[in-house]
N, C-alpha and C. Protein backbone atom coordinates (compact mmCIF):
# COMPACT_ATOMS: atom_id res chain seq x y z
N UNK A 1 -78.84 182.48 77.57
CA UNK A 1 -78.29 181.92 78.78
C UNK A 1 -79.40 181.57 79.77
N UNK A 2 -80.36 182.46 79.93
CA UNK A 2 -81.47 182.22 80.86
C UNK A 2 -82.31 181.06 80.35
N UNK A 3 -82.46 180.96 79.05
CA UNK A 3 -83.24 179.88 78.47
C UNK A 3 -82.59 178.52 78.75
N UNK A 4 -81.28 178.41 78.61
CA UNK A 4 -80.56 177.17 78.89
C UNK A 4 -80.65 176.82 80.37
N UNK A 5 -80.52 177.81 81.23
CA UNK A 5 -80.60 177.58 82.67
C UNK A 5 -82.00 177.09 83.05
N UNK A 6 -83.00 177.72 82.46
CA UNK A 6 -84.39 177.32 82.74
C UNK A 6 -84.63 175.88 82.28
N UNK A 7 -84.18 175.52 81.07
CA UNK A 7 -84.34 174.15 80.57
C UNK A 7 -83.58 173.15 81.44
N UNK A 8 -82.38 173.48 81.85
CA UNK A 8 -81.59 172.60 82.73
C UNK A 8 -82.27 172.39 84.06
N UNK A 9 -82.81 173.48 84.62
CA UNK A 9 -83.54 173.39 85.89
C UNK A 9 -84.81 172.58 85.74
N UNK A 10 -85.49 172.70 84.62
CA UNK A 10 -86.72 171.95 84.36
C UNK A 10 -86.41 170.46 84.25
N UNK A 11 -85.37 170.11 83.51
CA UNK A 11 -85.00 168.70 83.38
C UNK A 11 -84.53 168.11 84.72
N UNK A 12 -83.79 168.88 85.49
CA UNK A 12 -83.33 168.39 86.80
C UNK A 12 -84.52 168.15 87.72
N UNK A 13 -85.49 169.05 87.68
CA UNK A 13 -86.69 168.89 88.50
C UNK A 13 -87.45 167.64 88.09
N UNK A 14 -87.58 167.43 86.78
CA UNK A 14 -88.27 166.24 86.30
C UNK A 14 -87.49 164.97 86.66
N UNK A 15 -86.18 165.01 86.51
CA UNK A 15 -85.36 163.83 86.78
C UNK A 15 -85.43 163.42 88.24
N UNK A 16 -85.41 164.39 89.15
CA UNK A 16 -85.47 164.06 90.58
C UNK A 16 -86.89 164.00 91.11
N UNK A 17 -87.81 164.66 90.46
CA UNK A 17 -89.19 164.73 90.95
C UNK A 17 -90.03 163.52 90.61
N UNK A 18 -89.82 162.93 89.43
CA UNK A 18 -90.63 161.79 89.00
C UNK A 18 -90.46 160.60 89.94
N UNK A 19 -89.24 160.20 90.32
CA UNK A 19 -89.13 159.07 91.27
C UNK A 19 -89.76 159.38 92.62
N UNK A 20 -89.62 160.63 93.07
CA UNK A 20 -90.25 160.98 94.35
C UNK A 20 -91.77 160.96 94.24
N UNK A 21 -92.29 161.41 93.13
CA UNK A 21 -93.74 161.38 92.92
C UNK A 21 -94.24 159.94 92.83
N UNK A 22 -93.49 159.10 92.13
CA UNK A 22 -93.89 157.70 91.98
C UNK A 22 -93.82 156.97 93.32
N UNK A 23 -92.86 157.32 94.17
CA UNK A 23 -92.74 156.66 95.48
C UNK A 23 -93.91 157.03 96.38
N UNK A 24 -94.48 158.20 96.18
CA UNK A 24 -95.60 158.63 97.02
C UNK A 24 -96.92 158.02 96.61
N UNK A 25 -97.02 157.49 95.43
CA UNK A 25 -98.30 156.93 94.98
C UNK A 25 -98.44 155.51 95.50
N UNK A 26 -99.67 155.14 95.82
CA UNK A 26 -99.92 153.79 96.33
C UNK A 26 -99.95 152.80 95.19
N UNK A 27 -99.39 151.65 95.42
CA UNK A 27 -99.42 150.59 94.43
C UNK A 27 -100.66 149.76 94.67
N UNK A 28 -101.58 149.72 93.69
CA UNK A 28 -102.83 149.01 93.92
C UNK A 28 -102.64 147.51 94.14
N UNK A 29 -101.62 146.94 93.51
CA UNK A 29 -101.39 145.49 93.68
C UNK A 29 -101.02 145.17 95.12
N UNK A 30 -100.10 145.95 95.69
CA UNK A 30 -99.68 145.70 97.06
C UNK A 30 -100.82 146.00 98.05
N UNK A 31 -101.59 147.03 97.76
CA UNK A 31 -102.75 147.34 98.62
C UNK A 31 -103.73 146.19 98.58
N UNK A 32 -103.93 145.60 97.41
CA UNK A 32 -104.84 144.46 97.29
C UNK A 32 -104.28 143.24 98.02
N UNK A 33 -102.96 143.05 97.98
CA UNK A 33 -102.34 141.93 98.69
C UNK A 33 -102.56 142.07 100.19
N UNK A 34 -102.36 143.28 100.73
CA UNK A 34 -102.57 143.51 102.17
C UNK A 34 -104.02 143.28 102.54
N UNK A 35 -104.94 143.83 101.76
CA UNK A 35 -106.37 143.66 102.04
C UNK A 35 -106.78 142.20 101.94
N UNK A 36 -106.29 141.50 100.94
CA UNK A 36 -106.60 140.08 100.77
C UNK A 36 -106.04 139.24 101.92
N UNK A 37 -104.81 139.53 102.34
CA UNK A 37 -104.20 138.78 103.45
C UNK A 37 -105.00 138.98 104.73
N UNK A 38 -105.46 140.19 104.98
CA UNK A 38 -106.27 140.47 106.18
C UNK A 38 -107.58 139.70 106.11
N UNK A 39 -108.23 139.70 104.95
CA UNK A 39 -109.49 138.96 104.80
C UNK A 39 -109.28 137.45 104.96
N UNK A 40 -108.19 136.93 104.40
CA UNK A 40 -107.90 135.50 104.52
C UNK A 40 -107.58 135.11 105.96
N UNK A 41 -106.91 135.99 106.70
CA UNK A 41 -106.63 135.71 108.12
C UNK A 41 -107.93 135.71 108.92
N UNK A 42 -108.87 136.58 108.56
CA UNK A 42 -110.18 136.56 109.23
C UNK A 42 -110.87 135.23 108.96
N UNK A 43 -110.80 134.75 107.74
CA UNK A 43 -111.41 133.47 107.39
C UNK A 43 -110.71 132.32 108.10
N UNK A 44 -109.40 132.41 108.19
CA UNK A 44 -108.61 131.37 108.87
C UNK A 44 -109.01 131.24 110.34
N UNK A 45 -109.31 132.37 110.97
CA UNK A 45 -109.71 132.34 112.38
C UNK A 45 -111.11 131.75 112.55
N UNK A 46 -111.94 131.87 111.52
CA UNK A 46 -113.32 131.40 111.65
C UNK A 46 -113.51 129.96 111.20
N UNK A 47 -112.47 129.30 110.71
CA UNK A 47 -112.61 127.93 110.18
C UNK A 47 -112.94 126.94 111.28
N UNK A 48 -112.25 127.00 112.39
CA UNK A 48 -112.48 126.02 113.44
C UNK A 48 -112.44 126.68 114.81
N UNK A 49 -112.74 125.88 115.81
CA UNK A 49 -112.76 126.42 117.16
C UNK A 49 -111.36 126.81 117.64
N UNK A 50 -110.34 126.13 117.15
CA UNK A 50 -108.97 126.41 117.56
C UNK A 50 -108.29 127.48 116.72
N UNK A 51 -108.98 128.04 115.73
CA UNK A 51 -108.39 129.05 114.85
C UNK A 51 -107.90 130.29 115.56
N UNK A 52 -108.72 130.91 116.41
CA UNK A 52 -108.24 132.12 117.11
C UNK A 52 -107.03 131.85 118.02
N UNK A 53 -107.04 130.71 118.69
CA UNK A 53 -105.91 130.40 119.57
C UNK A 53 -104.64 130.16 118.76
N UNK A 54 -104.79 129.52 117.62
CA UNK A 54 -103.65 129.28 116.74
C UNK A 54 -103.06 130.61 116.27
N UNK A 55 -103.92 131.52 115.81
CA UNK A 55 -103.44 132.82 115.33
C UNK A 55 -102.80 133.62 116.46
N UNK A 56 -103.41 133.59 117.65
CA UNK A 56 -102.84 134.33 118.78
C UNK A 56 -101.45 133.81 119.10
N UNK A 57 -101.29 132.50 119.10
CA UNK A 57 -99.99 131.89 119.37
C UNK A 57 -98.96 132.29 118.31
N UNK A 58 -99.38 132.23 117.04
CA UNK A 58 -98.45 132.58 115.95
C UNK A 58 -98.09 134.07 115.97
N UNK A 59 -99.05 134.93 116.30
CA UNK A 59 -98.78 136.38 116.36
C UNK A 59 -97.77 136.67 117.47
N UNK A 60 -97.95 136.02 118.62
CA UNK A 60 -97.01 136.22 119.72
C UNK A 60 -95.59 135.79 119.32
N UNK A 61 -95.49 134.66 118.62
CA UNK A 61 -94.17 134.15 118.22
C UNK A 61 -93.56 134.98 117.10
N UNK A 62 -94.36 135.30 116.08
CA UNK A 62 -93.84 135.95 114.88
C UNK A 62 -93.47 137.41 115.12
N UNK A 63 -94.36 138.17 115.78
CA UNK A 63 -94.16 139.61 115.90
C UNK A 63 -93.78 140.05 117.31
N UNK A 64 -93.75 139.11 118.27
CA UNK A 64 -93.40 139.46 119.65
C UNK A 64 -94.48 140.27 120.34
N UNK A 65 -95.71 140.11 119.92
CA UNK A 65 -96.82 140.86 120.50
C UNK A 65 -97.16 140.29 121.88
N UNK A 66 -97.39 141.19 122.83
CA UNK A 66 -97.75 140.75 124.18
C UNK A 66 -99.21 140.34 124.25
N UNK A 67 -99.54 139.52 125.22
CA UNK A 67 -100.90 139.03 125.39
C UNK A 67 -101.87 140.16 125.72
N UNK A 68 -101.40 141.18 126.43
CA UNK A 68 -102.27 142.32 126.79
C UNK A 68 -102.74 143.05 125.54
N UNK A 69 -101.85 143.16 124.55
CA UNK A 69 -102.22 143.83 123.30
C UNK A 69 -103.29 143.02 122.56
N UNK A 70 -103.14 141.70 122.56
CA UNK A 70 -104.14 140.86 121.90
C UNK A 70 -105.49 140.98 122.59
N UNK A 71 -105.46 141.00 123.93
CA UNK A 71 -106.72 141.15 124.68
C UNK A 71 -107.35 142.51 124.40
N UNK A 72 -106.52 143.55 124.28
CA UNK A 72 -107.06 144.87 123.96
C UNK A 72 -107.73 144.85 122.59
N UNK A 73 -107.08 144.21 121.63
CA UNK A 73 -107.65 144.14 120.28
C UNK A 73 -108.97 143.39 120.26
N UNK A 74 -109.05 142.30 121.02
CA UNK A 74 -110.31 141.55 121.09
C UNK A 74 -111.39 142.34 121.81
N UNK A 75 -111.01 143.11 122.83
CA UNK A 75 -111.98 143.95 123.54
C UNK A 75 -112.52 145.05 122.62
N UNK A 76 -111.71 145.49 121.67
CA UNK A 76 -112.15 146.52 120.71
C UNK A 76 -112.90 145.93 119.53
N UNK A 77 -113.11 144.60 119.57
CA UNK A 77 -113.81 143.85 118.51
C UNK A 77 -113.11 143.97 117.15
N UNK A 78 -111.79 143.89 117.20
CA UNK A 78 -111.01 143.88 115.96
C UNK A 78 -111.00 142.47 115.41
N UNK A 79 -110.96 142.35 114.10
CA UNK A 79 -110.85 141.02 113.49
C UNK A 79 -109.42 140.54 113.62
N UNK A 80 -109.21 139.23 113.41
CA UNK A 80 -107.87 138.68 113.56
C UNK A 80 -106.95 139.17 112.45
N UNK A 81 -107.48 139.47 111.29
CA UNK A 81 -106.65 140.06 110.24
C UNK A 81 -106.16 141.44 110.63
N UNK A 82 -107.04 142.23 111.22
CA UNK A 82 -106.65 143.57 111.68
C UNK A 82 -105.64 143.48 112.82
N UNK A 83 -105.84 142.54 113.73
CA UNK A 83 -104.90 142.36 114.84
C UNK A 83 -103.52 141.98 114.31
N UNK A 84 -103.49 141.13 113.28
CA UNK A 84 -102.20 140.74 112.69
C UNK A 84 -101.52 141.94 112.04
N UNK A 85 -102.28 142.76 111.31
CA UNK A 85 -101.69 143.94 110.68
C UNK A 85 -101.19 144.92 111.75
N UNK A 86 -101.96 145.09 112.83
CA UNK A 86 -101.53 145.96 113.92
C UNK A 86 -100.25 145.40 114.57
N UNK A 87 -100.18 144.08 114.70
CA UNK A 87 -98.99 143.46 115.30
C UNK A 87 -97.76 143.71 114.44
N UNK A 88 -97.94 143.63 113.11
CA UNK A 88 -96.80 143.91 112.22
C UNK A 88 -96.36 145.37 112.36
N UNK A 89 -97.33 146.28 112.36
CA UNK A 89 -97.01 147.71 112.48
C UNK A 89 -96.35 147.98 113.83
N UNK A 90 -96.87 147.34 114.89
CA UNK A 90 -96.29 147.53 116.22
C UNK A 90 -94.85 147.02 116.26
N UNK A 91 -94.60 145.88 115.64
CA UNK A 91 -93.24 145.34 115.62
C UNK A 91 -92.29 146.25 114.85
N UNK A 92 -92.82 146.97 113.88
CA UNK A 92 -91.98 147.86 113.06
C UNK A 92 -91.79 149.22 113.72
N UNK A 93 -92.86 149.80 114.26
CA UNK A 93 -92.79 151.16 114.79
C UNK A 93 -92.59 151.21 116.30
N UNK A 94 -92.99 150.18 117.03
CA UNK A 94 -92.87 150.18 118.49
C UNK A 94 -94.05 150.82 119.19
N UNK A 95 -95.05 151.26 118.45
CA UNK A 95 -96.24 151.88 119.05
C UNK A 95 -97.19 150.80 119.54
N UNK A 96 -98.03 151.16 120.52
CA UNK A 96 -99.01 150.21 121.03
C UNK A 96 -100.21 150.15 120.07
N UNK A 97 -101.03 149.11 120.24
CA UNK A 97 -102.23 148.99 119.42
C UNK A 97 -103.13 150.21 119.58
N UNK A 98 -103.25 150.73 120.80
CA UNK A 98 -104.12 151.88 121.05
C UNK A 98 -103.63 153.12 120.29
N UNK A 99 -102.31 153.34 120.29
CA UNK A 99 -101.76 154.49 119.57
C UNK A 99 -101.98 154.35 118.07
N UNK A 100 -101.75 153.16 117.57
CA UNK A 100 -101.92 152.92 116.13
C UNK A 100 -103.38 153.09 115.75
N UNK A 101 -104.28 152.61 116.60
CA UNK A 101 -105.72 152.72 116.33
C UNK A 101 -106.17 154.17 116.38
N UNK A 102 -105.61 154.98 117.29
CA UNK A 102 -105.96 156.40 117.37
C UNK A 102 -105.54 157.16 116.12
N UNK A 103 -104.52 156.67 115.45
CA UNK A 103 -104.04 157.32 114.22
C UNK A 103 -104.81 156.82 112.99
N UNK A 104 -105.92 156.14 113.19
CA UNK A 104 -106.82 155.65 112.13
C UNK A 104 -106.14 154.70 111.15
N UNK A 105 -105.34 153.81 111.67
CA UNK A 105 -104.67 152.84 110.81
C UNK A 105 -105.66 151.84 110.24
N UNK A 106 -106.74 151.57 110.94
CA UNK A 106 -107.70 150.56 110.49
C UNK A 106 -108.45 150.98 109.23
N UNK A 107 -108.48 152.28 108.93
CA UNK A 107 -109.15 152.73 107.70
C UNK A 107 -108.46 152.14 106.47
N UNK A 108 -107.15 152.20 106.45
CA UNK A 108 -106.36 151.62 105.36
C UNK A 108 -104.95 151.38 105.88
N UNK A 109 -104.65 150.12 106.18
CA UNK A 109 -103.35 149.79 106.75
C UNK A 109 -102.21 150.13 105.79
N UNK A 110 -102.45 149.96 104.51
CA UNK A 110 -101.42 150.23 103.52
C UNK A 110 -101.04 151.71 103.51
N UNK A 111 -102.05 152.57 103.50
CA UNK A 111 -101.79 154.02 103.49
C UNK A 111 -101.12 154.44 104.80
N UNK A 112 -101.57 153.86 105.91
CA UNK A 112 -100.96 154.18 107.20
C UNK A 112 -99.47 153.81 107.20
N UNK A 113 -99.17 152.61 106.70
CA UNK A 113 -97.78 152.17 106.66
C UNK A 113 -96.94 153.09 105.77
N UNK A 114 -97.52 153.52 104.67
CA UNK A 114 -96.82 154.41 103.77
C UNK A 114 -96.53 155.76 104.44
N UNK A 115 -97.54 156.29 105.16
CA UNK A 115 -97.35 157.57 105.85
C UNK A 115 -96.35 157.45 107.00
N UNK A 116 -96.29 156.27 107.63
CA UNK A 116 -95.37 156.07 108.75
C UNK A 116 -93.94 155.84 108.28
N UNK A 117 -93.75 155.74 106.97
CA UNK A 117 -92.41 155.55 106.43
C UNK A 117 -91.97 154.10 106.39
N UNK A 118 -92.93 153.19 106.53
CA UNK A 118 -92.62 151.77 106.49
C UNK A 118 -92.56 151.30 105.04
N UNK A 119 -91.92 150.18 104.82
CA UNK A 119 -91.90 149.58 103.49
C UNK A 119 -93.20 148.81 103.29
N UNK A 120 -94.03 149.30 102.41
CA UNK A 120 -95.33 148.66 102.16
C UNK A 120 -95.14 147.31 101.49
N UNK A 121 -94.10 147.19 100.69
CA UNK A 121 -93.84 145.92 100.02
C UNK A 121 -93.48 144.84 101.04
N UNK A 122 -92.64 145.22 102.02
CA UNK A 122 -92.28 144.26 103.07
C UNK A 122 -93.50 143.89 103.90
N UNK A 123 -94.36 144.85 104.17
CA UNK A 123 -95.57 144.59 104.94
C UNK A 123 -96.46 143.59 104.20
N UNK A 124 -96.66 143.82 102.92
CA UNK A 124 -97.50 142.93 102.12
C UNK A 124 -96.93 141.51 102.10
N UNK A 125 -95.62 141.39 101.89
CA UNK A 125 -95.00 140.07 101.83
C UNK A 125 -95.00 139.39 103.20
N UNK A 126 -94.83 140.18 104.25
CA UNK A 126 -94.83 139.61 105.59
C UNK A 126 -96.21 139.07 105.96
N UNK A 127 -97.26 139.81 105.63
CA UNK A 127 -98.62 139.35 105.92
C UNK A 127 -98.97 138.12 105.09
N UNK A 128 -98.52 138.08 103.84
CA UNK A 128 -98.74 136.89 103.00
C UNK A 128 -98.01 135.67 103.58
N UNK A 129 -96.76 135.87 104.00
CA UNK A 129 -95.99 134.77 104.57
C UNK A 129 -96.61 134.29 105.88
N UNK A 130 -97.13 135.23 106.68
CA UNK A 130 -97.79 134.85 107.93
C UNK A 130 -99.05 134.04 107.65
N UNK A 131 -99.81 134.42 106.63
CA UNK A 131 -101.01 133.69 106.25
C UNK A 131 -100.65 132.26 105.84
N UNK A 132 -99.62 132.10 105.03
CA UNK A 132 -99.21 130.76 104.60
C UNK A 132 -98.74 129.93 105.79
N UNK A 133 -98.05 130.56 106.72
CA UNK A 133 -97.60 129.84 107.92
C UNK A 133 -98.80 129.39 108.75
N UNK A 134 -99.80 130.25 108.88
CA UNK A 134 -101.00 129.89 109.65
C UNK A 134 -101.74 128.73 108.97
N UNK A 135 -101.82 128.75 107.64
CA UNK A 135 -102.49 127.65 106.92
C UNK A 135 -101.73 126.34 107.10
N UNK A 136 -100.39 126.39 107.00
CA UNK A 136 -99.58 125.18 107.20
C UNK A 136 -99.75 124.63 108.61
N UNK A 137 -99.74 125.53 109.59
CA UNK A 137 -99.88 125.09 110.98
C UNK A 137 -101.25 124.47 111.23
N UNK A 138 -102.30 125.07 110.64
CA UNK A 138 -103.65 124.51 110.79
C UNK A 138 -103.71 123.13 110.16
N UNK A 139 -103.17 122.98 108.96
CA UNK A 139 -103.18 121.68 108.29
C UNK A 139 -102.37 120.65 109.07
N UNK A 140 -101.24 121.06 109.61
CA UNK A 140 -100.41 120.13 110.40
C UNK A 140 -101.18 119.64 111.62
N UNK A 141 -101.89 120.53 112.27
CA UNK A 141 -102.67 120.12 113.45
C UNK A 141 -103.80 119.18 113.07
N UNK A 142 -104.42 119.42 111.93
CA UNK A 142 -105.49 118.53 111.48
C UNK A 142 -104.93 117.14 111.21
N UNK A 143 -103.79 117.07 110.51
CA UNK A 143 -103.20 115.78 110.20
C UNK A 143 -102.72 115.06 111.46
N UNK A 144 -102.19 115.80 112.42
CA UNK A 144 -101.78 115.18 113.67
C UNK A 144 -102.97 114.58 114.41
N UNK A 145 -104.10 115.29 114.39
CA UNK A 145 -105.31 114.75 115.03
C UNK A 145 -105.78 113.50 114.32
N UNK A 146 -105.73 113.50 113.00
CA UNK A 146 -106.15 112.32 112.24
C UNK A 146 -105.23 111.13 112.52
N UNK A 147 -103.92 111.38 112.56
CA UNK A 147 -102.99 110.30 112.84
C UNK A 147 -103.21 109.73 114.23
N UNK A 148 -103.51 110.58 115.19
CA UNK A 148 -103.72 110.14 116.56
C UNK A 148 -105.02 109.39 116.75
N UNK A 149 -106.02 109.70 115.94
CA UNK A 149 -107.33 109.08 116.12
C UNK A 149 -107.48 107.79 115.32
N UNK A 150 -106.59 107.53 114.40
CA UNK A 150 -106.71 106.35 113.55
C UNK A 150 -106.32 105.10 114.33
N UNK A 151 -107.18 104.14 114.32
CA UNK A 151 -106.91 102.86 114.98
C UNK A 151 -106.59 101.83 113.90
N UNK A 152 -105.50 101.14 114.08
CA UNK A 152 -105.11 100.11 113.13
C UNK A 152 -105.34 98.78 113.81
N UNK A 153 -106.28 98.00 113.27
CA UNK A 153 -106.57 96.70 113.81
C UNK A 153 -105.63 95.68 113.20
N UNK A 154 -104.99 94.85 114.03
CA UNK A 154 -104.05 93.88 113.46
C UNK A 154 -104.78 92.81 112.67
N UNK A 155 -104.24 92.46 111.54
CA UNK A 155 -104.81 91.41 110.70
C UNK A 155 -104.32 90.07 111.22
N UNK A 156 -105.13 89.03 111.11
CA UNK A 156 -104.66 87.71 111.55
C UNK A 156 -103.52 87.25 110.66
N UNK A 157 -102.57 86.58 111.26
CA UNK A 157 -101.43 86.10 110.51
C UNK A 157 -101.82 84.84 109.75
N UNK A 158 -101.95 84.98 108.44
CA UNK A 158 -102.34 83.84 107.64
C UNK A 158 -101.14 82.94 107.35
N UNK A 159 -99.99 83.51 107.34
CA UNK A 159 -98.77 82.76 107.18
C UNK A 159 -98.77 81.84 105.98
N UNK A 160 -98.03 80.74 106.10
CA UNK A 160 -97.91 79.81 104.97
C UNK A 160 -99.11 78.88 104.88
N UNK A 161 -99.91 78.78 105.93
CA UNK A 161 -101.09 77.91 105.89
C UNK A 161 -102.06 78.33 104.81
N UNK A 162 -102.19 79.62 104.59
CA UNK A 162 -103.11 80.10 103.56
C UNK A 162 -102.63 79.65 102.19
N UNK A 163 -101.35 79.69 101.97
CA UNK A 163 -100.80 79.27 100.68
C UNK A 163 -101.02 77.79 100.43
N UNK A 164 -100.87 76.96 101.46
CA UNK A 164 -101.09 75.52 101.29
C UNK A 164 -102.55 75.23 100.98
N UNK A 165 -103.45 75.95 101.62
CA UNK A 165 -104.87 75.77 101.36
C UNK A 165 -105.20 76.14 99.92
N UNK A 166 -104.63 77.23 99.42
CA UNK A 166 -104.88 77.66 98.06
C UNK A 166 -104.34 76.64 97.07
N UNK A 167 -103.15 76.09 97.35
CA UNK A 167 -102.60 75.08 96.47
C UNK A 167 -103.49 73.84 96.42
N UNK A 168 -104.04 73.45 97.55
CA UNK A 168 -104.92 72.28 97.59
C UNK A 168 -106.15 72.52 96.72
N UNK A 169 -106.68 73.71 96.76
CA UNK A 169 -107.84 74.03 95.92
C UNK A 169 -107.47 73.97 94.45
N UNK A 170 -106.30 74.48 94.10
CA UNK A 170 -105.87 74.47 92.71
C UNK A 170 -105.68 73.04 92.20
N UNK A 171 -105.02 72.18 93.01
CA UNK A 171 -104.78 70.79 92.59
C UNK A 171 -106.08 70.01 92.46
N UNK A 172 -107.05 70.30 93.27
CA UNK A 172 -108.32 69.59 93.19
C UNK A 172 -108.99 69.89 91.86
N UNK A 173 -108.85 71.09 91.37
CA UNK A 173 -109.45 71.43 90.09
C UNK A 173 -108.71 70.76 88.94
N UNK A 174 -107.40 70.62 89.02
CA UNK A 174 -106.61 70.04 87.94
C UNK A 174 -106.84 68.52 87.85
N UNK A 175 -106.87 67.85 88.95
CA UNK A 175 -106.93 66.38 88.96
C UNK A 175 -108.36 65.86 89.11
N UNK A 176 -109.29 66.45 88.44
CA UNK A 176 -110.66 65.95 88.60
C UNK A 176 -110.78 64.58 87.90
N UNK A 177 -111.31 63.55 88.57
CA UNK A 177 -111.35 62.21 88.01
C UNK A 177 -112.46 61.98 87.00
N UNK A 178 -113.38 62.78 86.87
CA UNK A 178 -114.49 62.56 85.95
C UNK A 178 -114.39 63.50 84.76
N UNK A 179 -115.07 63.17 83.70
CA UNK A 179 -115.02 64.03 82.50
C UNK A 179 -115.71 65.37 82.78
N UNK A 180 -115.22 66.38 82.14
CA UNK A 180 -115.78 67.70 82.35
C UNK A 180 -116.88 68.03 81.37
N UNK A 181 -116.90 67.36 80.19
CA UNK A 181 -117.91 67.68 79.20
C UNK A 181 -118.40 66.39 78.56
N UNK A 182 -119.70 66.20 78.50
CA UNK A 182 -120.30 65.00 77.90
C UNK A 182 -121.20 65.44 76.77
N UNK A 183 -121.02 64.79 75.57
CA UNK A 183 -121.85 65.10 74.41
C UNK A 183 -122.96 64.06 74.33
N UNK A 184 -124.19 64.46 74.47
CA UNK A 184 -125.33 63.54 74.38
C UNK A 184 -125.84 63.39 72.96
N UNK A 185 -125.60 64.31 72.13
CA UNK A 185 -126.16 64.32 70.78
C UNK A 185 -125.18 63.64 69.84
N UNK A 186 -125.71 62.72 69.04
CA UNK A 186 -124.87 62.09 68.02
C UNK A 186 -124.69 63.06 66.90
N UNK A 187 -123.55 63.14 66.38
CA UNK A 187 -123.31 64.09 65.29
C UNK A 187 -121.86 63.99 64.88
N UNK A 188 -121.41 65.00 64.23
CA UNK A 188 -120.03 65.01 63.77
C UNK A 188 -119.10 65.17 64.94
N UNK A 189 -118.04 64.41 64.90
CA UNK A 189 -117.07 64.46 65.99
C UNK A 189 -116.06 65.61 65.80
N UNK A 190 -115.68 65.78 64.58
CA UNK A 190 -114.72 66.84 64.34
C UNK A 190 -115.00 67.42 62.96
N UNK A 191 -114.45 68.49 62.65
CA UNK A 191 -114.66 69.14 61.39
C UNK A 191 -114.09 68.29 60.27
N UNK A 192 -114.85 68.08 59.30
CA UNK A 192 -114.38 67.36 58.14
C UNK A 192 -114.40 65.84 58.31
N UNK A 193 -114.60 65.31 59.51
CA UNK A 193 -114.63 63.86 59.70
C UNK A 193 -116.06 63.39 59.68
N UNK A 194 -116.22 62.11 59.35
CA UNK A 194 -117.57 61.54 59.29
C UNK A 194 -117.78 60.53 60.34
């Protein structure tokens, strides 16, 4: 009886313990996605002079981050990728950037999110989606600038006069009054004829 109870308890522990153990382990793919998105956002900010302003505007719209928080992050010399990750965490937890920074979130945002009880998968997908939105917005602004700077010079209206001139040139070639080829050498006129 004790043996059966022990085996039942062991199987129950394994059945309920394995999913809990697996949930506590970090997923390297998602951690890499978060790290890559942060690095790409840093690169996005450094591409042009308007990059930081674009990201600041998008962070304010996407996550509802206040301007004071962004200024605090810049004063702390945080990169734009880190500021974006802090903005996501702030939108989820309601903590300020200073509180999140004091809890050493910058060491590993993924581990911090996991310890805070946030969905790391949602965080990774949200940062990826934000990166794609920032890239689209940057490209849209570039194309708008190109469209605005392009000057289209009007072509002269050739109308039907150009066609009449071309026809006159064609007819002059067809109706030439003189022979086009003259044979100076006496010889055979055609094949087989004498």
